[in-house]
PDB file of all heavy atoms in Angstrom:
ATOM      1  N   ALA A   1       0.842  -1.186   0.000  1.00  0.00           N
ATOM      2  CA  ALA A   1       0.000   0.000   0.000  1.00  0.00           C
ATOM      3  C   ALA A   1       0.881   1.241   0.000  1.00  0.00           C
ATOM      4  O   ALA A   1       2.081   1.184   0.213  1.00  0.00           O
ATOM      5  CB  ALA A   1      -0.902  -0.006   1.223  1.00  0.00           C
ATOM      6  N   ASN A   2       0.247   2.360  -0.241  1.00  0.00           N
ATOM      7  CA  ASN A   2       0.945   3.637  -0.191  1.00  0.00           C
ATOM      8  C   ASN A   2      -0.062   4.635   0.360  1.00  0.00           C
ATOM      9  O   ASN A   2      -0.936   5.082  -0.356  1.00  0.00           O
ATOM     10  CB  ASN A   2       1.414   4.017  -1.590  1.00  0.00           C
ATOM     11  CG  ASN A   2       2.286   5.251  -1.579  1.00  0.00           C
ATOM     12  OD1 ASN A   2       2.455   5.922  -0.573  1.00  0.00           O
ATOM     13  ND2 ASN A   2       2.832   5.558  -2.739  1.00  0.00           N
ATOM     14  N   VAL A   3       0.037   4.945   1.636  1.00  0.00           N
ATOM     15  CA  VAL A   3      -0.935   5.778   2.315  1.00  0.00           C
ATOM     16  C   VAL A   3      -0.341   7.165   2.524  1.00  0.00           C
ATOM     17  O   VAL A   3       0.658   7.313   3.214  1.00  0.00           O
ATOM     18  CB  VAL A   3      -1.321   5.164   3.686  1.00  0.00           C
ATOM     19  CG1 VAL A   3      -2.397   5.981   4.360  1.00  0.00           C
ATOM     20  CG2 VAL A   3      -1.771   3.723   3.515  1.00  0.00           C
ATOM     21  N   MET A   4      -0.965   8.165   1.913  1.00  0.00           N
ATOM     22  CA  MET A   4      -0.489   9.543   2.088  1.00  0.00           C
ATOM     23  C   MET A   4      -1.237  10.190   3.235  1.00  0.00           C
ATOM     24  O   MET A   4      -2.426   9.952   3.422  1.00  0.00           O
ATOM     25  CB  MET A   4      -0.701  10.362   0.821  1.00  0.00           C
ATOM     26  CG  MET A   4      -0.115  11.758   0.932  1.00  0.00           C
ATOM     27  SD  MET A   4      -0.261  12.647  -0.614  1.00  0.00           S
ATOM     28  CE  MET A   4       0.224  14.277  -0.092  1.00  0.00           C
ATOM     29  N   SER A   5      -0.550  11.019   3.961  1.00  0.00           N
ATOM     30  CA  SER A   5      -1.140  11.723   5.089  1.00  0.00           C
ATOM     31  C   SER A   5      -2.393  12.478   4.675  1.00  0.00           C
ATOM     32  O   SER A   5      -2.352  13.300   3.771  1.00  0.00           O
ATOM     33  CB  SER A   5      -0.138  12.719   5.666  1.00  0.00           C
ATOM     34  OG  SER A   5      -0.797  13.600   6.550  1.00  0.00           O
ATOM     35  N   PRO A   6      -3.521  12.217   5.327  1.00  0.00           N
ATOM     36  CA  PRO A   6      -4.733  12.962   4.995  1.00  0.00           C
ATOM     37  C   PRO A   6      -4.625  14.430   5.399  1.00  0.00           C
ATOM     38  O   PRO A   6      -5.322  15.275   4.856  1.00  0.00           O
ATOM     39  CB  PRO A   6      -5.829  12.248   5.790  1.00  0.00           C
ATOM     40  CG  PRO A   6      -5.112  11.580   6.913  1.00  0.00           C
ATOM     41  CD  PRO A   6      -3.752  11.238   6.384  1.00  0.00           C
ATOM     42  N   ILE A   7      -3.744  14.728   6.329  1.00  0.00           N
ATOM     43  CA  ILE A   7      -3.570  16.115   6.771  1.00  0.00           C
ATOM     44  C   ILE A   7      -3.133  16.973   5.592  1.00  0.00           C
ATOM     45  O   ILE A   7      -3.615  18.090   5.406  1.00  0.00           O
ATOM     46  CB  ILE A   7      -2.546  16.193   7.923  1.00  0.00           C
ATOM     47  CG1 ILE A   7      -3.115  15.476   9.148  1.00  0.00           C
ATOM     48  CG2 ILE A   7      -2.184  17.636   8.249  1.00  0.00           C
ATOM     49  CD1 ILE A   7      -2.122  15.283  10.272  1.00  0.00           C
ATOM     50  N   ILE A   8      -2.254  16.454   4.777  1.00  0.00           N
ATOM     51  CA  ILE A   8      -1.786  17.199   3.605  1.00  0.00           C
ATOM     52  C   ILE A   8      -2.719  16.964   2.421  1.00  0.00           C
ATOM     53  O   ILE A   8      -3.130  17.903   1.748  1.00  0.00           O
ATOM     54  CB  ILE A   8      -0.345  16.788   3.229  1.00  0.00           C
ATOM     55  CG1 ILE A   8       0.617  17.129   4.373  1.00  0.00           C
ATOM     56  CG2 ILE A   8       0.107  17.436   1.938  1.00  0.00           C
ATOM     57  CD1 ILE A   8       0.692  18.598   4.731  1.00  0.00           C
ATOM     58  N   ALA A   9      -3.075  15.720   2.163  1.00  0.00           N
ATOM     59  CA  ALA A   9      -3.886  15.397   0.991  1.00  0.00           C
ATOM     60  C   ALA A   9      -5.221  16.150   0.980  1.00  0.00           C
ATOM     61  O   ALA A   9      -5.663  16.611  -0.069  1.00  0.00           O
ATOM     62  CB  ALA A   9      -4.136  13.888   0.928  1.00  0.00           C
ATOM     63  N   GLU A  10      -5.853  16.307   2.137  1.00  0.00           N
ATOM     64  CA  GLU A  10      -7.160  16.951   2.185  1.00  0.00           C
ATOM     65  C   GLU A  10      -7.070  18.463   2.309  1.00  0.00           C
ATOM     66  O   GLU A  10      -8.055  19.154   2.088  1.00  0.00           O
ATOM     67  CB  GLU A  10      -7.974  16.386   3.350  1.00  0.00           C
ATOM     68  CG  GLU A  10      -8.349  14.939   3.136  1.00  0.00           C
ATOM     69  CD  GLU A  10      -9.038  14.319   4.338  1.00  0.00           C
ATOM     70  OE1 GLU A  10      -9.322  15.039   5.316  1.00  0.00           O
ATOM     71  OE2 GLU A  10      -9.299  13.108   4.284  1.00  0.00           O
ATOM     72  N   ARG A  11      -5.911  18.997   2.682  1.00  0.00           N
ATOM     73  CA  ARG A  11      -5.808  20.440   2.894  1.00  0.00           C
ATOM     74  C   ARG A  11      -4.859  21.122   1.926  1.00  0.00           C
ATOM     75  O   ARG A  11      -4.639  22.317   2.032  1.00  0.00           O
ATOM     76  CB  ARG A  11      -5.367  20.713   4.329  1.00  0.00           C
ATOM     77  CG  ARG A  11      -6.400  20.221   5.327  1.00  0.00           C
ATOM     78  CD  ARG A  11      -5.891  20.340   6.712  1.00  0.00           C
ATOM     79  NE  ARG A  11      -6.417  21.568   7.291  1.00  0.00           N
ATOM     80  CZ  ARG A  11      -5.940  22.118   8.387  1.00  0.00           C
ATOM     81  NH1 ARG A  11      -4.934  21.568   9.011  1.00  0.00           N
ATOM     82  NH2 ARG A  11      -6.455  23.216   8.868  1.00  0.00           N
ATOM     83  N   ILE A  12      -4.337  20.378   0.969  1.00  0.00           N
ATOM     84  CA  ILE A  12      -3.345  20.951   0.065  1.00  0.00           C
ATOM     85  C   ILE A  12      -3.906  22.158  -0.684  1.00  0.00           C
ATOM     86  O   ILE A  12      -3.208  23.121  -0.957  1.00  0.00           O
ATOM     87  CB  ILE A  12      -2.776  19.876  -0.888  1.00  0.00           C
ATOM     88  CG1 ILE A  12      -1.441  20.314  -1.445  1.00  0.00           C
ATOM     89  CG2 ILE A  12      -3.766  19.511  -1.978  1.00  0.00           C
ATOM     90  CD1 ILE A  12      -0.644  19.199  -2.073  1.00  0.00           C
ATOM     91  N   TRP A  13      -5.204  22.141  -0.963  1.00  0.00           N
ATOM     92  CA  TRP A  13      -5.830  23.252  -1.680  1.00  0.00           C
ATOM     93  C   TRP A  13      -5.815  24.537  -0.858  1.00  0.00           C
ATOM     94  O   TRP A  13      -5.883  25.630  -1.403  1.00  0.00           O
ATOM     95  CB  TRP A  13      -7.272  22.897  -2.066  1.00  0.00           C
ATOM     96  CG  TRP A  13      -8.148  22.652  -0.864  1.00  0.00           C
ATOM     97  CD1 TRP A  13      -8.361  21.456  -0.228  1.00  0.00           C
ATOM     98  CD2 TRP A  13      -8.882  23.625  -0.126  1.00  0.00           C
ATOM     99  NE1 TRP A  13      -9.184  21.642   0.859  1.00  0.00           N
ATOM    100  CE2 TRP A  13      -9.530  22.959   0.944  1.00  0.00           C
ATOM    101  CE3 TRP A  13      -9.071  25.000  -0.262  1.00  0.00           C
ATOM    102  CZ2 TRP A  13     -10.338  23.615   1.864  1.00  0.00           C
ATOM    103  CZ3 TRP A  13      -9.882  25.646   0.659  1.00  0.00           C
ATOM    104  CH2 TRP A  13     -10.500  24.954   1.707  1.00  0.00           C
ATOM    105  N   ALA A  14      -5.745  24.424   0.476  1.00  0.00           N
ATOM    106  CA  ALA A  14      -5.800  25.601   1.348  1.00  0.00           C
ATOM    107  C   ALA A  14      -4.412  26.121   1.727  1.00  0.00           C
ATOM    108  O   ALA A  14      -4.303  27.141   2.389  1.00  0.00           O
ATOM    109  CB  ALA A  14      -6.581  25.263   2.618  1.00  0.00           C
ATOM    110  N   LEU A  15      -3.363  25.420   1.328  1.00  0.00           N
ATOM    111  CA  LEU A  15      -2.015  25.844   1.703  1.00  0.00           C
ATOM    112  C   LEU A  15      -1.626  27.121   0.972  1.00  0.00           C
ATOM    113  O   LEU A  15      -1.944  27.285  -0.204  1.00  0.00           O
ATOM    114  CB  LEU A  15      -0.997  24.741   1.377  1.00  0.00           C
ATOM    115  CG  LEU A  15      -1.139  23.440   2.141  1.00  0.00           C
ATOM    116  CD1 LEU A  15      -0.115  22.425   1.642  1.00  0.00           C
ATOM    117  CD2 LEU A  15      -0.973  23.662   3.627  1.00  0.00           C
ATOM    118  N   PRO A  16      -0.941  28.013   1.659  1.00  0.00           N
ATOM    119  CA  PRO A  16      -0.501  29.248   1.006  1.00  0.00           C
ATOM    120  C   PRO A  16       0.751  29.004   0.160  1.00  0.00           C
ATOM    121  O   PRO A  16       1.825  29.508   0.449  1.00  0.00           O
ATOM    122  CB  PRO A  16      -0.218  30.181   2.185  1.00  0.00           C
ATOM    123  CG  PRO A  16       0.208  29.256   3.282  1.00  0.00           C
ATOM    124  CD  PRO A  16      -0.598  28.000   3.079  1.00  0.00           C
ATOM    125  N   LEU A  17       0.585  28.179  -0.873  1.00  0.00           N
ATOM    126  CA  LEU A  17       1.709  27.806  -1.734  1.00  0.00           C
ATOM    127  C   LEU A  17       1.365  28.077  -3.187  1.00  0.00           C
ATOM    128  O   LEU A  17       0.197  27.987  -3.579  1.00  0.00           O
ATOM    129  CB  LEU A  17       2.012  26.304  -1.598  1.00  0.00           C
ATOM    130  CG  LEU A  17       2.467  25.781  -0.245  1.00  0.00           C
ATOM    131  CD1 LEU A  17       2.535  24.264  -0.265  1.00  0.00           C
ATOM    132  CD2 LEU A  17       3.819  26.370   0.119  1.00  0.00           C
ATOM    133  N   SER A  18       2.378  28.351  -3.970  1.00  0.00           N
ATOM    134  CA  SER A  18       2.178  28.483  -5.415  1.00  0.00           C
ATOM    135  C   SER A  18       1.902  27.095  -5.991  1.00  0.00           C
ATOM    136  O   SER A  18       2.214  26.068  -5.372  1.00  0.00           O
ATOM    137  CB  SER A  18       3.441  29.056  -6.053  1.00  0.00           C
ATOM    138  OG  SER A  18       4.501  28.117  -5.953  1.00  0.00           O
ATOM    139  N   GLY A  19       1.336  27.079  -7.172  1.00  0.00           N
ATOM    140  CA  GLY A  19       1.090  25.800  -7.844  1.00  0.00           C
ATOM    141  C   GLY A  19       2.373  25.018  -8.061  1.00  0.00           C
ATOM    142  O   GLY A  19       2.395  23.796  -7.938  1.00  0.00           O
ATOM    143  N   SER A  20       3.466  25.725  -8.355  1.00  0.00           N
ATOM    144  CA  SER A  20       4.737  25.021  -8.576  1.00  0.00           C
ATOM    145  C   SER A  20       5.265  24.407  -7.280  1.00  0.00           C
ATOM    146  O   SER A  20       5.844  23.318  -7.299  1.00  0.00           O
ATOM    147  CB  SER A  20       5.779  25.946  -9.208  1.00  0.00           C
ATOM    148  OG  SER A  20       5.945  27.115  -8.438  1.00  0.00           O
ATOM    149  N   ALA A  21       5.026  25.061  -6.128  1.00  0.00           N
ATOM    150  CA  ALA A  21       5.465  24.485  -4.850  1.00  0.00           C
ATOM    151  C   ALA A  21       4.608  23.269  -4.485  1.00  0.00           C
ATOM    152  O   ALA A  21       5.128  22.283  -3.956  1.00  0.00           O
ATOM    153  CB  ALA A  21       5.411  25.528  -3.737  1.00  0.00           C
ATOM    154  N   VAL A  22       3.313  23.318  -4.792  1.00  0.00           N
ATOM    155  CA  VAL A  22       2.439  22.165  -4.537  1.00  0.00           C
ATOM    156  C   VAL A  22       2.880  20.989  -5.404  1.00  0.00           C
ATOM    157  O   VAL A  22       2.986  19.852  -4.925  1.00  0.00           O
ATOM    158  CB  VAL A  22       0.951  22.516  -4.808  1.00  0.00           C
ATOM    159  CG1 VAL A  22       0.082  21.270  -4.810  1.00  0.00           C
ATOM    160  CG2 VAL A  22       0.445  23.519  -3.770  1.00  0.00           C
ATOM    161  N   LYS A  23       3.183  21.260  -6.652  1.00  0.00           N
ATOM    162  CA  LYS A  23       3.651  20.203  -7.564  1.00  0.00           C
ATOM    163  C   LYS A  23       4.977  19.619  -7.069  1.00  0.00           C
ATOM    164  O   LYS A  23       5.188  18.403  -7.106  1.00  0.00           O
ATOM    165  CB  LYS A  23       3.791  20.777  -8.976  1.00  0.00           C
ATOM    166  CG  LYS A  23       4.079  19.748 -10.029  1.00  0.00           C
ATOM    167  CD  LYS A  23       4.092  20.392 -11.408  1.00  0.00           C
ATOM    168  CE  LYS A  23       4.543  19.385 -12.450  1.00  0.00           C
ATOM    169  NZ  LYS A  23       4.717  19.977 -13.767  1.00  0.00           N
ATOM    170  N   PHE A  24       5.867  20.483  -6.571  1.00  0.00           N
ATOM    171  CA  PHE A  24       7.146  20.014  -6.051  1.00  0.00           C
ATOM    172  C   PHE A  24       6.942  19.168  -4.796  1.00  0.00           C
ATOM    173  O   PHE A  24       7.626  18.166  -4.605  1.00  0.00           O
ATOM    174  CB  PHE A  24       8.084  21.202  -5.768  1.00  0.00           C
ATOM    175  CG  PHE A  24       9.482  20.775  -5.446  1.00  0.00           C
ATOM    176  CD1 PHE A  24      10.294  20.213  -6.415  1.00  0.00           C
ATOM    177  CD2 PHE A  24       9.992  20.922  -4.170  1.00  0.00           C
ATOM    178  CE1 PHE A  24      11.588  19.814  -6.123  1.00  0.00           C
ATOM    179  CE2 PHE A  24      11.285  20.517  -3.862  1.00  0.00           C
ATOM    180  CZ  PHE A  24      12.085  19.965  -4.847  1.00  0.00           C
ATOM    181  N   LEU A  25       5.974  19.557  -3.954  1.00  0.00           N
ATOM    182  CA  LEU A  25       5.644  18.742  -2.773  1.00  0.00           C
ATOM    183  C   LEU A  25       5.201  17.353  -3.205  1.00  0.00           C
ATOM    184  O   LEU A  25       5.602  16.357  -2.605  1.00  0.00           O
ATOM    185  CB  LEU A  25       4.562  19.415  -1.925  1.00  0.00           C
ATOM    186  CG  LEU A  25       4.011  18.597  -0.753  1.00  0.00           C
ATOM    187  CD1 LEU A  25       5.113  18.184   0.216  1.00  0.00           C
ATOM    188  CD2 LEU A  25       2.917  19.375  -0.031  1.00  0.00           C
ATOM    189  N   GLN A  26       4.406  17.268  -4.250  1.00  0.00           N
ATOM    190  CA  GLN A  26       3.984  15.954  -4.747  1.00  0.00           C
ATOM    191  C   GLN A  26       5.189  15.143  -5.214  1.00  0.00           C
ATOM    192  O   GLN A  26       5.264  13.940  -4.969  1.00  0.00           O
ATOM    193  CB  GLN A  26       2.953  16.123  -5.861  1.00  0.00           C
ATOM    194  CG  GLN A  26       1.650  16.675  -5.337  1.00  0.00           C
ATOM    195  CD  GLN A  26       0.689  17.078  -6.446  1.00  0.00           C
ATOM    196  OE1 GLN A  26       1.085  17.459  -7.542  1.00  0.00           O
ATOM    197  NE2 GLN A  26      -0.595  16.993  -6.143  1.00  0.00           N
ATOM    198  N   TYR A  27       6.155  15.801  -5.865  1.00  0.00           N
ATOM    199  CA  TYR A  27       7.392  15.125  -6.259  1.00  0.00           C
ATOM    200  C   TYR A  27       8.128  14.604  -5.021  1.00  0.00           C
ATOM    201  O   TYR A  27       8.580  13.456  -4.984  1.00  0.00           O
ATOM    202  CB  TYR A  27       8.293  16.072  -7.064  1.00  0.00           C
ATOM    203  CG  TYR A  27       9.746  15.667  -7.065  1.00  0.00           C
ATOM    204  CD1 TYR A  27      10.196  14.633  -7.881  1.00  0.00           C
ATOM    205  CD2 TYR A  27      10.674  16.300  -6.233  1.00  0.00           C
ATOM    206  CE1 TYR A  27      11.532  14.244  -7.873  1.00  0.00           C
ATOM    207  CE2 TYR A  27      12.005  15.914  -6.224  1.00  0.00           C
ATOM    208  CZ  TYR A  27      12.434  14.889  -7.042  1.00  0.00           C
ATOM    209  OH  TYR A  27      13.750  14.494  -7.028  1.00  0.00           O
ATOM    210  N   LEU A  28       8.245  15.467  -3.985  1.00  0.00           N
ATOM    211  CA  LEU A  28       8.961  15.063  -2.773  1.00  0.00           C
ATOM    212  C   LEU A  28       8.300  13.863  -2.104  1.00  0.00           C
ATOM    213  O   LEU A  28       8.987  12.939  -1.661  1.00  0.00           O
ATOM    214  CB  LEU A  28       9.031  16.231  -1.781  1.00  0.00           C
ATOM    215  CG  LEU A  28       9.910  17.408  -2.184  1.00  0.00           C
ATOM    216  CD1 LEU A  28       9.802  18.518  -1.143  1.00  0.00           C
ATOM    217  CD2 LEU A  28      11.349  16.984  -2.378  1.00  0.00           C
ATOM    218  N   VAL A  29       6.976  13.871  -2.015  1.00  0.00           N
ATOM    219  CA  VAL A  29       6.259  12.743  -1.405  1.00  0.00           C
ATOM    220  C   VAL A  29       6.518  11.479  -2.216  1.00  0.00           C
ATOM    221  O   VAL A  29       6.817  10.425  -1.655  1.00  0.00           O
ATOM    222  CB  VAL A  29       4.747  13.036  -1.280  1.00  0.00           C
ATOM    223  CG1 VAL A  29       3.981  11.781  -0.870  1.00  0.00           C
ATOM    224  CG2 VAL A  29       4.504  14.162  -0.270  1.00  0.00           C
ATOM    225  N   SER A  30       6.445  11.588  -3.542  1.00  0.00           N
ATOM    226  CA  SER A  30       6.664  10.391  -4.370  1.00  0.00           C
ATOM    227  C   SER A  30       8.102   9.903  -4.268  1.00  0.00           C
ATOM    228  O   SER A  30       8.362   8.708  -4.332  1.00  0.00           O
ATOM    229  CB  SER A  30       6.298  10.664  -5.829  1.00  0.00           C
ATOM    230  OG  SER A  30       7.242  11.525  -6.428  1.00  0.00           O
ATOM    231  N   ARG A  31       9.049  10.815  -4.072  1.00  0.00           N
ATOM    232  CA  ARG A  31      10.472  10.474  -4.017  1.00  0.00           C
ATOM    233  C   ARG A  31      10.922  10.022  -2.632  1.00  0.00           C
ATOM    234  O   ARG A  31      11.971   9.398  -2.478  1.00  0.00           O
ATOM    235  CB  ARG A  31      11.267  11.710  -4.460  1.00  0.00           C
ATOM    236  CG  ARG A  31      12.718  11.456  -4.742  1.00  0.00           C
ATOM    237  CD  ARG A  31      12.882  10.480  -5.893  1.00  0.00           C
ATOM    238  NE  ARG A  31      14.273  10.349  -6.268  1.00  0.00           N
ATOM    239  CZ  ARG A  31      15.142   9.532  -5.666  1.00  0.00           C
ATOM    240  NH1 ARG A  31      14.775   8.792  -4.650  1.00  0.00           N
ATOM    241  NH2 ARG A  31      16.376   9.460  -6.097  1.00  0.00           N
ATOM    242  N   SER A  32      10.102  10.315  -1.613  1.00  0.00           N
ATOM    243  CA  SER A  32      10.493  10.010  -0.235  1.00  0.00           C
ATOM    244  C   SER A  32      10.300   8.539   0.100  1.00  0.00           C
ATOM    245  O   SER A  32       9.539   7.827  -0.545  1.00  0.00           O
ATOM    246  CB  SER A  32       9.676  10.856   0.745  1.00  0.00           C
ATOM    247  OG  SER A  32       8.323  10.457   0.736  1.00  0.00           O
ATOM    248  N   ASP A  33      11.016   8.119   1.132  1.00  0.00           N
ATOM    249  CA  ASP A  33      10.809   6.791   1.704  1.00  0.00           C
ATOM    250  C   ASP A  33       9.580   6.852   2.604  1.00  0.00           C
ATOM    251  O   ASP A  33       9.143   7.937   3.003  1.00  0.00           O
ATOM    252  CB  ASP A  33      12.017   6.385   2.558  1.00  0.00           C
ATOM    253  CG  ASP A  33      13.283   6.176   1.738  1.00  0.00           C
ATOM    254  OD1 ASP A  33      13.182   5.929   0.516  1.00  0.00           O
ATOM    255  OD2 ASP A  33      14.378   6.263   2.333  1.00  0.00           O
ATOM    256  N   PHE A  34       9.035   5.688   2.952  1.00  0.00           N
ATOM    257  CA  PHE A  34       7.945   5.654   3.917  1.00  0.00           C
ATOM    258  C   PHE A  34       8.442   6.290   5.213  1.00  0.00           C
ATOM    259  O   PHE A  34       9.548   6.022   5.660  1.00  0.00           O
ATOM    260  CB  PHE A  34       7.469   4.221   4.177  1.00  0.00           C
ATOM    261  CG  PHE A  34       6.812   3.587   2.976  1.00  0.00           C
ATOM    262  CD1 PHE A  34       7.326   2.438   2.423  1.00  0.00           C
ATOM    263  CD2 PHE A  34       5.685   4.160   2.410  1.00  0.00           C
ATOM    264  CE1 PHE A  34       6.725   1.843   1.314  1.00  0.00           C
ATOM    265  CE2 PHE A  34       5.081   3.576   1.291  1.00  0.00           C
ATOM    266  CZ  PHE A  34       5.602   2.427   0.749  1.00  0.00           C
ATOM    267  N   GLY A  35       7.645   7.170   5.783  1.00  0.00           N
ATOM    268  CA  GLY A  35       8.039   7.857   7.003  1.00  0.00           C
ATOM    269  C   GLY A  35       8.661   9.222   6.776  1.00  0.00           C
ATOM    270  O   GLY A  35       8.872   9.964   7.706  1.00  0.00           O
ATOM    271  N   GLY A  36       8.974   9.555   5.526  1.00  0.00           N
ATOM    272  CA  GLY A  36       9.401  10.907   5.205  1.00  0.00           C
ATOM    273  C   GLY A  36      10.849  11.145   4.863  1.00  0.00           C
ATOM    274  O   GLY A  36      11.214  12.249   4.462  1.00  0.00           O
ATOM    275  N   ALA A  37      11.720  10.165   5.025  1.00  0.00           N
ATOM    276  CA  ALA A  37      13.132  10.384   4.682  1.00  0.00           C
ATOM    277  C   ALA A  37      13.254  10.670   3.187  1.00  0.00           C
ATOM    278  O   ALA A  37      12.615  10.006   2.365  1.00  0.00           O
ATOM    279  CB  ALA A  37      13.967   9.170   5.052  1.00  0.00           C
ATOM    280  N   LEU A  38      14.057  11.672   2.846  1.00  0.00           N
ATOM    281  CA  LEU A  38      14.319  12.003   1.444  1.00  0.00           C
ATOM    282  C   LEU A  38      15.739  11.574   1.110  1.00  0.00           C
ATOM    283  O   LEU A  38      16.700  12.277   1.438  1.00  0.00           O
ATOM    284  CB  LEU A  38      14.142  13.507   1.212  1.00  0.00           C
ATOM    285  CG  LEU A  38      12.691  13.967   1.203  1.00  0.00           C
ATOM    286  CD1 LEU A  38      12.589  15.469   1.365  1.00  0.00           C
ATOM    287  CD2 LEU A  38      12.011  13.518  -0.066  1.00  0.00           C
ATOM    288  N   PRO A  39      15.886  10.397   0.480  1.00  0.00           N
ATOM    289  CA  PRO A  39      17.217   9.841   0.238  1.00  0.00           C
ATOM    290  C   PRO A  39      17.888  10.421  -1.004  1.00  0.00           C
ATOM    291  O   PRO A  39      18.595   9.729  -1.718  1.00  0.00           O
ATOM    292  CB  PRO A  39      16.920   8.349   0.061  1.00  0.00           C
ATOM    293  CG  PRO A  39      15.585   8.337  -0.599  1.00  0.00           C
ATOM    294  CD  PRO A  39      14.835   9.502   0.022  1.00  0.00           C
ATOM    295  N   VAL A  40      17.663  11.692  -1.271  1.00  0.00           N
ATOM    296  CA  VAL A  40      18.226  12.315  -2.466  1.00  0.00           C
ATOM    297  C   VAL A  40      18.742  13.707  -2.080  1.00  0.00           C
ATOM    298  O   VAL A  40      18.114  14.420  -1.309  1.00  0.00           O
ATOM    299  CB  VAL A  40      17.175  12.375  -3.604  1.00  0.00           C
ATOM    300  CG1 VAL A  40      15.947  13.140  -3.191  1.00  0.00           C
ATOM    301  CG2 VAL A  40      17.738  12.921  -4.886  1.00  0.00           C
ATOM    302  N   ARG A  41      19.908  14.037  -2.602  1.00  0.00           N
ATOM    303  CA  ARG A  41      20.507  15.348  -2.315  1.00  0.00           C
ATOM    304  C   ARG A  41      19.838  16.421  -3.170  1.00  0.00           C
ATOM    305  O   ARG A  41      19.277  16.123  -4.216  1.00  0.00           O
ATOM    306  CB  ARG A  41      21.998  15.310  -2.619  1.00  0.00           C
ATOM    307  CG  ARG A  41      22.748  14.406  -1.684  1.00  0.00           C
ATOM    308  CD  ARG A  41      24.200  14.286  -2.131  1.00  0.00           C
ATOM    309  NE  ARG A  41      24.887  13.383  -1.238  1.00  0.00           N
ATOM    310  CZ  ARG A  41      25.974  13.711  -0.561  1.00  0.00           C
ATOM    311  NH1 ARG A  41      26.497  14.897  -0.700  1.00  0.00           N
ATOM    312  NH2 ARG A  41      26.524  12.842   0.238  1.00  0.00           N
ATOM    313  N   GLN A  42      19.958  17.645  -2.722  1.00  0.00           N
ATOM    314  CA  GLN A  42      19.314  18.758  -3.417  1.00  0.00           C
ATOM    315  C   GLN A  42      19.779  18.860  -4.871  1.00  0.00           C
ATOM    316  O   GLN A  42      18.969  19.082  -5.774  1.00  0.00           O
ATOM    317  CB  GLN A  42      19.587  20.057  -2.669  1.00  0.00           C
ATOM    318  CG  GLN A  42      18.816  21.236  -3.230  1.00  0.00           C
ATOM    319  CD  GLN A  42      18.893  22.456  -2.344  1.00  0.00           C
ATOM    320  OE1 GLN A  42      19.089  22.340  -1.154  1.00  0.00           O
ATOM    321  NE2 GLN A  42      18.748  23.613  -2.934  1.00  0.00           N
TER     322      GLN A  42
END
């Protein structure tokens, strides 16, 4: 399974972020390990 936090998934529309930052957040979630570790350098 792949369960995304409902805190972010349900409120992403209300975040004070640009569309490009929201899209980048989706990239980060997809690229992250379970639990949030980002095993990739900037």
